[in-house]
Each structure stands twice: as structure tokens, then as C-alpha cells.
Amino acid sequence: MENAKNFRIEVAYARPEKQVIVPVIVEPGTTIQQAIELSKVIEHFPEIDLTENKVGIFGKLSKLDTELRPKDRVEIYRKLIADPKEVRRKRAAEGKAMKKGTK
């Protein structure tokens, strides 16, 4: 697989207690899904389900069939435990309730 046209990318996945970034040499035309498979990250993190987990390149959501470019970093995102917007709404409501209670 080593030739002058191949290039390096990274596949990243993180849990609260452990993060990995796996460098992978790929051929032109390699997709996100193929790069994840080549990285073998799923073997180390069996909770990853590519039908459920979202993926992206440098923080931008992407589809599994997106072709990679040199130096791309493929990121596999975990499911959110809580919706950040909902958490902010609850905090704001609690803050308003506290202010009313102190007057």
C-alpha cells in the first residue's frame, strides 16, 4: 500500500477516561468508513456503531462515504448523554427561580 500517492490521515475517538488518535496511511479515494476500518479503532472500542455514531473531519460533520484528503483527521463522536441546549435552558430557569427567591 506504500506508494508516492498514498497519504497520512488520523482517526480519533475519545471517551472521558481514554482518547486515541491513530495515524493511517491511505490511498487516494479512501472514504471515512474505510479509514475507520483500517485504523482498527472499532476493535478497541466495541461500543462504536457506525450506523449510530456520527463522524466528522476536524469538527465538521461528514458522511461515511466522504473521500479523505491528506492530513485529514477523522473524528468519531460519542452519543450525547444530555442535550446541551436543554441543560442551558434548565440552568437559566433555575437562575431565574433563585433570583425571585432572594427578593
Protein backbone atom coordinates (compact mmCIF):
# COMPACT_ATOMS: atom_id res chain seq x y z
CA MET A 1 0.00 0.00 0.00
CA GLU A 2 3.00 2.33 0.32
CA ASN A 3 3.47 4.46 -2.79
CA ALA A 4 4.09 8.11 -3.62
CA LYS A 5 0.39 8.93 -3.94
CA ASN A 6 -0.68 7.50 -0.59
CA PHE A 7 -1.09 9.96 2.25
CA ARG A 8 -1.44 10.12 6.02
CA ILE A 9 -4.66 10.81 7.91
CA GLU A 10 -5.65 10.32 11.54
CA VAL A 11 -8.65 8.62 13.12
CA ALA A 12 -9.64 9.98 16.54
CA TYR A 13 -12.01 8.71 19.20
CA ALA A 14 -12.36 9.75 22.83
CA ARG A 15 -14.06 8.54 25.96
CA PRO A 16 -13.82 10.52 29.20
CA GLU A 17 -11.07 8.24 30.50
CA LYS A 18 -9.23 7.44 27.27
CA GLN A 19 -8.53 9.11 23.94
CA VAL A 20 -6.81 7.71 20.87
CA ILE A 21 -5.52 9.20 17.63
CA VAL A 22 -4.47 6.53 15.16
CA PRO A 23 -2.34 7.53 12.16
CA VAL A 24 -3.25 5.67 8.98
CA ILE A 25 -1.69 5.68 5.50
CA VAL A 26 -4.46 5.60 2.89
CA GLU A 27 -4.81 5.57 -0.86
CA PRO A 28 -6.48 8.40 -2.78
CA GLY A 29 -10.24 7.82 -2.84
CA THR A 30 -10.35 6.28 0.66
CA THR A 31 -13.59 7.12 2.48
CA ILE A 32 -14.15 7.92 6.14
CA GLN A 33 -15.65 4.47 6.72
CA GLN A 34 -12.70 2.72 5.07
CA ALA A 35 -10.22 4.76 7.13
CA ILE A 36 -12.02 3.86 10.36
CA GLU A 37 -11.90 0.19 9.39
CA LEU A 38 -8.19 0.42 8.51
CA SER A 39 -7.44 2.11 11.85
CA LYS A 40 -8.94 -0.86 13.75
CA VAL A 41 -10.25 1.59 16.35
CA ILE A 42 -13.56 -0.31 16.46
CA GLU A 43 -11.70 -3.41 17.69
CA HIS A 44 -10.51 -1.42 20.72
CA PHE A 45 -13.81 0.41 21.30
CA PRO A 46 -16.62 -2.06 20.54
CA GLU A 47 -19.25 0.49 21.60
CA ILE A 48 -18.66 2.32 18.31
CA ASP A 49 -21.52 1.66 15.92
CA LEU A 50 -21.09 3.47 12.61
CA THR A 51 -24.84 3.24 11.99
CA GLU A 52 -25.39 5.25 15.20
CA ASN A 53 -22.26 7.31 15.93
CA LYS A 54 -21.78 10.49 13.95
CA VAL A 55 -18.44 11.16 12.28
CA GLY A 56 -16.66 14.24 11.03
CA ILE A 57 -13.45 15.77 9.79
CA PHE A 58 -11.90 18.38 12.08
CA GLY A 59 -15.20 19.00 13.90
CA LYS A 60 -17.36 19.25 10.79
CA LEU A 61 -20.00 16.52 10.48
CA SER A 62 -19.41 14.33 7.44
CA LYS A 63 -20.89 11.25 5.81
CA LEU A 64 -19.17 7.87 5.90
CA ASP A 65 -18.70 7.94 2.12
CA THR A 66 -16.78 11.24 2.17
CA GLU A 67 -13.40 10.88 0.48
CA LEU A 68 -10.42 11.93 2.55
CA ARG A 69 -7.66 14.39 1.75
CA PRO A 70 -4.09 14.44 3.02
CA LYS A 71 -3.75 15.35 6.72
CA ASP A 72 -7.49 14.99 7.47
CA ARG A 73 -8.43 13.95 11.00
CA VAL A 74 -11.47 11.67 11.09
CA GLU A 75 -13.37 12.03 14.35
CA ILE A 76 -15.88 9.53 15.71
CA TYR A 77 -18.35 11.23 18.03
CA ARG A 78 -19.99 9.63 21.05
CA LYS A 79 -23.69 9.96 21.66
CA LEU A 80 -24.61 12.89 23.87
CA ILE A 81 -25.83 11.97 27.33
CA ALA A 82 -27.78 15.23 27.60
CA ASP A 83 -28.85 17.84 25.06
CA PRO A 84 -26.62 20.89 25.71
CA LYS A 85 -29.43 23.31 24.77
CA GLU A 86 -31.79 21.69 27.26
CA VAL A 87 -29.15 21.80 30.00
CA ARG A 88 -28.64 25.56 29.40
CA ARG A 89 -32.41 26.17 29.50
CA LYS A 90 -32.70 24.36 32.83
CA ARG A 91 -29.78 26.31 34.29
CA ALA A 92 -31.27 29.60 33.13
CA ALA A 93 -34.67 28.68 34.62
CA GLU A 94 -33.02 27.71 37.92
CA GLY A 95 -31.13 31.01 37.96
CA LYS A 96 -34.35 32.98 37.48
CA ALA A 97 -36.04 31.00 40.24
CA MET A 98 -33.12 31.72 42.61
CA LYS A 99 -33.30 35.45 41.88
CA LYS A 100 -37.04 35.51 42.61
CA GLY A 101 -36.47 33.63 45.85
CA THR A 102 -33.87 36.16 47.12
CA LYS A 103 -36.07 39.24 46.66
